[in-house]
Amino acid sequence: MVQKRFYNIEELATILGKTVAAIHGHLARKQFDAVPPPMRLGRRLAWLVEYVDAWIEAKAVKAAAQAEESMRGLSTKIQTGKRGRPTKAEVKARERSVTLPG
């Protein structure tokens, strides 16, 4: 029994949750961060099963690392109390402290 070692474009579309047209669009623009690079089998495009699995795993690891980094940055902001634009009261208090000779 021969095991299938390649995905065709329809199978890849199902795995990635994209349409066949979307995959063709990414390939035409050479956006290989959105779909793995294909290989040619005659006139058809094909993807090695092992390569697609490794590509998806690498994307998952990268996303987890970014999420962890984001959470670390969020906890730093919470601890330091930094936020966006200061309130009018904070601006006035800062102006008073600067103008008063110390």
N, C-alpha and C. Protein backbone atom coordinates (compact mmCIF):
# COMPACT_ATOMS: atom_id res chain seq x y z
N MET A 1 0.85 -1.19 0.00
CA MET A 1 0.00 0.00 0.00
C MET A 1 0.89 1.24 0.00
N VAL A 2 0.65 2.12 -0.94
CA VAL A 2 1.43 3.34 -1.07
C VAL A 2 0.71 4.46 -0.33
N GLN A 3 1.44 5.13 0.53
CA GLN A 3 0.85 6.24 1.26
C GLN A 3 0.99 7.51 0.43
N LYS A 4 -0.01 8.37 0.52
CA LYS A 4 0.02 9.64 -0.19
C LYS A 4 1.00 10.56 0.52
N ARG A 5 1.94 11.09 -0.22
CA ARG A 5 2.97 11.93 0.38
C ARG A 5 2.87 13.39 -0.04
N PHE A 6 1.84 13.71 -0.83
CA PHE A 6 1.67 15.08 -1.31
C PHE A 6 0.24 15.54 -1.09
N TYR A 7 0.08 16.86 -0.89
CA TYR A 7 -1.25 17.48 -0.88
C TYR A 7 -1.44 18.18 -2.21
N ASN A 8 -2.64 18.11 -2.77
CA ASN A 8 -2.93 18.95 -3.93
C ASN A 8 -3.52 20.26 -3.42
N ILE A 9 -3.84 21.16 -4.32
CA ILE A 9 -4.26 22.50 -3.89
C ILE A 9 -5.60 22.49 -3.17
N GLU A 10 -6.51 21.59 -3.56
CA GLU A 10 -7.80 21.51 -2.87
C GLU A 10 -7.63 21.03 -1.43
N GLU A 11 -6.76 20.05 -1.23
CA GLU A 11 -6.51 19.55 0.12
C GLU A 11 -5.82 20.61 0.98
N LEU A 12 -4.87 21.33 0.38
CA LEU A 12 -4.18 22.39 1.12
C LEU A 12 -5.17 23.49 1.52
N ALA A 13 -6.08 23.81 0.61
CA ALA A 13 -7.08 24.83 0.91
C ALA A 13 -7.92 24.41 2.11
N THR A 14 -8.31 23.16 2.17
CA THR A 14 -9.09 22.65 3.29
C THR A 14 -8.29 22.70 4.59
N ILE A 15 -7.05 22.31 4.54
CA ILE A 15 -6.19 22.28 5.72
C ILE A 15 -5.98 23.70 6.27
N LEU A 16 -5.74 24.66 5.37
CA LEU A 16 -5.45 26.03 5.80
C LEU A 16 -6.70 26.86 6.03
N GLY A 17 -7.86 26.34 5.63
CA GLY A 17 -9.09 27.08 5.80
C GLY A 17 -9.21 28.25 4.83
N LYS A 18 -8.66 28.09 3.66
CA LYS A 18 -8.70 29.12 2.63
C LYS A 18 -9.38 28.55 1.39
N THR A 19 -9.70 29.42 0.45
CA THR A 19 -10.24 28.95 -0.81
C THR A 19 -9.09 28.68 -1.78
N VAL A 20 -9.39 27.93 -2.81
CA VAL A 20 -8.38 27.64 -3.83
C VAL A 20 -7.95 28.96 -4.49
N ALA A 21 -8.90 29.85 -4.73
CA ALA A 21 -8.58 31.14 -5.35
C ALA A 21 -7.65 31.97 -4.46
N ALA A 22 -7.87 31.92 -3.15
CA ALA A 22 -7.01 32.66 -2.22
C ALA A 22 -5.59 32.11 -2.26
N ILE A 23 -5.46 30.80 -2.32
CA ILE A 23 -4.12 30.20 -2.40
C ILE A 23 -3.44 30.60 -3.70
N HIS A 24 -4.17 30.57 -4.82
CA HIS A 24 -3.60 31.01 -6.10
C HIS A 24 -3.16 32.47 -6.01
N GLY A 25 -3.94 33.31 -5.35
CA GLY A 25 -3.58 34.72 -5.19
C GLY A 25 -2.31 34.90 -4.38
N HIS A 26 -2.18 34.16 -3.28
CA HIS A 26 -0.96 34.23 -2.46
C HIS A 26 0.24 33.76 -3.26
N LEU A 27 0.08 32.70 -4.03
CA LEU A 27 1.19 32.19 -4.83
C LEU A 27 1.58 33.17 -5.92
N ALA A 28 0.60 33.82 -6.54
CA ALA A 28 0.91 34.79 -7.59
C ALA A 28 1.69 35.98 -7.03
N ARG A 29 1.39 36.36 -5.78
CA ARG A 29 2.10 37.47 -5.14
C ARG A 29 3.33 37.00 -4.36
N LYS A 30 3.58 35.71 -4.41
CA LYS A 30 4.73 35.10 -3.72
C LYS A 30 4.71 35.41 -2.23
N GLN A 31 3.53 35.32 -1.63
CA GLN A 31 3.37 35.55 -0.20
C GLN A 31 3.50 34.20 0.52
N PHE A 32 4.72 33.77 0.72
CA PHE A 32 4.94 32.45 1.30
C PHE A 32 4.84 32.47 2.82
N ASP A 33 4.49 33.61 3.41
CA ASP A 33 4.14 33.61 4.82
C ASP A 33 2.68 33.22 5.00
N ALA A 34 1.88 33.29 3.92
CA ALA A 34 0.46 32.93 3.98
C ALA A 34 0.21 31.49 3.54
N VAL A 35 1.02 30.99 2.65
CA VAL A 35 0.93 29.58 2.20
C VAL A 35 2.35 29.06 2.00
N PRO A 36 2.57 27.77 2.24
CA PRO A 36 3.91 27.23 2.02
C PRO A 36 4.25 27.20 0.53
N PRO A 37 5.52 27.31 0.17
CA PRO A 37 5.89 27.25 -1.23
C PRO A 37 5.61 25.86 -1.82
N PRO A 38 5.08 25.82 -3.04
CA PRO A 38 4.75 24.53 -3.65
C PRO A 38 5.91 23.95 -4.44
N MET A 39 5.71 22.73 -4.89
CA MET A 39 6.61 22.12 -5.86
C MET A 39 5.76 21.69 -7.05
N ARG A 40 6.39 21.51 -8.18
CA ARG A 40 5.66 21.11 -9.38
C ARG A 40 5.79 19.61 -9.60
N LEU A 41 4.65 18.99 -9.87
CA LEU A 41 4.61 17.60 -10.33
C LEU A 41 3.97 17.65 -11.70
N GLY A 42 4.82 17.74 -12.71
CA GLY A 42 4.30 17.94 -14.05
C GLY A 42 3.76 19.35 -14.15
N ARG A 43 2.47 19.47 -14.48
CA ARG A 43 1.83 20.79 -14.57
C ARG A 43 1.09 21.16 -13.30
N ARG A 44 1.05 20.26 -12.35
CA ARG A 44 0.28 20.50 -11.13
C ARG A 44 1.16 20.98 -9.99
N LEU A 45 0.53 21.71 -9.08
CA LEU A 45 1.21 22.13 -7.86
C LEU A 45 0.98 21.08 -6.79
N ALA A 46 2.00 20.83 -5.99
CA ALA A 46 1.89 19.85 -4.91
C ALA A 46 2.71 20.33 -3.72
N TRP A 47 2.32 19.87 -2.55
CA TRP A 47 3.01 20.21 -1.31
C TRP A 47 3.32 18.92 -0.57
N LEU A 48 4.56 18.74 -0.15
CA LEU A 48 4.92 17.58 0.65
C LEU A 48 4.17 17.63 1.98
N VAL A 49 3.62 16.51 2.39
CA VAL A 49 2.85 16.44 3.64
C VAL A 49 3.73 16.85 4.82
N GLU A 50 4.95 16.34 4.87
CA GLU A 50 5.85 16.64 5.98
C GLU A 50 6.20 18.12 6.02
N TYR A 51 6.41 18.72 4.83
CA TYR A 51 6.78 20.12 4.77
C TYR A 51 5.62 21.02 5.24
N VAL A 52 4.41 20.69 4.83
CA VAL A 52 3.24 21.48 5.25
C VAL A 52 3.05 21.37 6.76
N ASP A 53 3.20 20.17 7.29
CA ASP A 53 3.07 20.00 8.75
C ASP A 53 4.13 20.81 9.49
N ALA A 54 5.37 20.80 8.99
CA ALA A 54 6.44 21.57 9.63
C ALA A 54 6.18 23.08 9.52
N TRP A 55 5.65 23.52 8.37
CA TRP A 55 5.35 24.93 8.16
C TRP A 55 4.26 25.40 9.13
N ILE A 56 3.22 24.59 9.30
CA ILE A 56 2.14 24.92 10.22
C ILE A 56 2.66 24.95 11.65
N GLU A 57 3.49 23.99 12.01
CA GLU A 57 4.07 23.94 13.36
C GLU A 57 4.92 25.19 13.63
N ALA A 58 5.72 25.59 12.64
CA ALA A 58 6.55 26.78 12.80
C ALA A 58 5.69 28.03 12.99
N LYS A 59 4.58 28.11 12.26
CA LYS A 59 3.66 29.24 12.41
C LYS A 59 3.06 29.24 13.82
N ALA A 60 2.71 28.06 14.33
CA ALA A 60 2.12 27.97 15.66
C ALA A 60 3.12 28.38 16.74
N VAL A 61 4.36 27.95 16.61
CA VAL A 61 5.40 28.31 17.59
C VAL A 61 5.64 29.81 17.57
N LYS A 62 5.70 30.39 16.36
CA LYS A 62 5.91 31.84 16.24
C LYS A 62 4.75 32.61 16.86
N ALA A 63 3.52 32.16 16.62
CA ALA A 63 2.35 32.84 17.19
C ALA A 63 2.35 32.74 18.70
N ALA A 64 2.73 31.58 19.24
CA ALA A 64 2.79 31.42 20.70
C ALA A 64 3.85 32.34 21.31
N ALA A 65 4.99 32.46 20.64
CA ALA A 65 6.05 33.33 21.14
C ALA A 65 5.60 34.79 21.12
N GLN A 66 4.90 35.19 20.05
CA GLN A 66 4.42 36.56 19.98
C GLN A 66 3.37 36.84 21.04
N ALA A 67 2.51 35.87 21.31
CA ALA A 67 1.48 36.04 22.34
C ALA A 67 2.12 36.17 23.71
N GLU A 68 3.14 35.36 23.96
CA GLU A 68 3.84 35.43 25.25
C GLU A 68 4.54 36.78 25.40
N GLU A 69 5.17 37.25 24.34
CA GLU A 69 5.85 38.55 24.37
C GLU A 69 4.83 39.67 24.59
N SER A 70 3.69 39.55 23.96
CA SER A 70 2.64 40.55 24.12
C SER A 70 2.14 40.57 25.56
N MET A 71 1.98 39.42 26.16
CA MET A 71 1.52 39.35 27.55
C MET A 71 2.56 39.94 28.49
N ARG A 72 3.83 39.71 28.21
CA ARG A 72 4.89 40.28 29.05
C ARG A 72 4.88 41.80 28.94
N GLY A 73 4.70 42.31 27.73
CA GLY A 73 4.63 43.76 27.53
C GLY A 73 3.42 44.35 28.21
N LEU A 74 2.31 43.63 28.19
CA LEU A 74 1.08 44.10 28.84
C LEU A 74 1.25 44.16 30.34
N SER A 75 1.88 43.14 30.92
CA SER A 75 2.06 43.14 32.37
C SER A 75 3.02 44.25 32.79
N THR A 76 4.01 44.58 31.95
CA THR A 76 4.92 45.68 32.26
C THR A 76 4.17 47.00 32.28
N LYS A 77 3.27 47.19 31.31
CA LYS A 77 2.50 48.43 31.26
C LYS A 77 1.60 48.55 32.48
N ILE A 78 1.02 47.45 32.90
CA ILE A 78 0.13 47.47 34.05
C ILE A 78 0.92 47.78 35.31
N GLN A 79 2.10 47.20 35.46
CA GLN A 79 2.90 47.42 36.66
C GLN A 79 3.42 48.85 36.74
N THR A 80 3.82 49.43 35.62
CA THR A 80 4.37 50.78 35.66
C THR A 80 3.28 51.83 35.71
N GLY A 81 2.06 51.47 35.40
CA GLY A 81 0.96 52.41 35.45
C GLY A 81 0.93 53.34 34.25
N LYS A 82 1.71 53.06 33.23
CA LYS A 82 1.72 53.91 32.04
C LYS A 82 0.41 53.74 31.30
N ARG A 83 -0.02 54.85 30.76
CA ARG A 83 -1.18 54.78 29.90
C ARG A 83 -1.06 55.90 28.88
N GLY A 84 -2.07 56.12 28.13
CA GLY A 84 -2.03 57.09 27.04
C GLY A 84 -1.93 58.52 27.51
N ARG A 85 -2.75 59.34 26.99
CA ARG A 85 -2.74 60.77 27.23
C ARG A 85 -3.08 61.10 28.69
N PRO A 86 -2.34 62.05 29.31
CA PRO A 86 -2.64 62.40 30.70
C PRO A 86 -3.94 63.19 30.81
N THR A 87 -4.56 63.12 31.97
CA THR A 87 -5.79 63.88 32.21
C THR A 87 -5.44 65.35 32.44
N LYS A 88 -6.45 66.22 32.40
CA LYS A 88 -6.22 67.64 32.65
C LYS A 88 -5.68 67.88 34.05
N ALA A 89 -6.18 67.12 35.01
CA ALA A 89 -5.71 67.26 36.39
C ALA A 89 -4.24 66.91 36.50
N GLU A 90 -3.80 65.87 35.81
CA GLU A 90 -2.38 65.49 35.84
C GLU A 90 -1.52 66.54 35.18
N VAL A 91 -2.00 67.13 34.10
CA VAL A 91 -1.23 68.17 33.42
C VAL A 91 -1.10 69.39 34.32
N LYS A 92 -2.20 69.81 34.96
CA LYS A 92 -2.15 70.98 35.86
C LYS A 92 -1.24 70.71 37.04
N ALA A 93 -1.30 69.52 37.61
CA ALA A 93 -0.44 69.18 38.75
C ALA A 93 1.02 69.22 38.33
N ARG A 94 1.33 68.75 37.15
CA ARG A 94 2.70 68.77 36.66
C ARG A 94 3.16 70.21 36.41
N GLU A 95 2.27 71.05 35.86
CA GLU A 95 2.62 72.45 35.63
C GLU A 95 2.88 73.18 36.93
N ARG A 96 2.06 72.90 37.97
CA ARG A 96 2.27 73.53 39.26
C ARG A 96 3.59 73.12 39.89
N SER A 97 3.94 71.86 39.77
CA SER A 97 5.18 71.38 40.36
C SER A 97 6.39 71.94 39.63
N VAL A 98 6.26 72.23 38.35
CA VAL A 98 7.38 72.77 37.59
C VAL A 98 7.54 74.26 37.86
N THR A 99 6.42 74.99 37.98
CA THR A 99 6.50 76.44 38.15
C THR A 99 6.86 76.86 39.58
N LEU A 100 6.58 76.04 40.57
CA LEU A 100 6.91 76.38 41.95
C LEU A 100 8.40 76.19 42.18
N PRO A 101 9.07 77.21 42.69
CA PRO A 101 10.51 77.03 42.99
C PRO A 101 10.68 76.09 44.17
N GLY A 102 11.57 75.18 44.07
CA GLY A 102 11.73 74.14 45.08
C GLY A 102 12.91 74.30 45.86
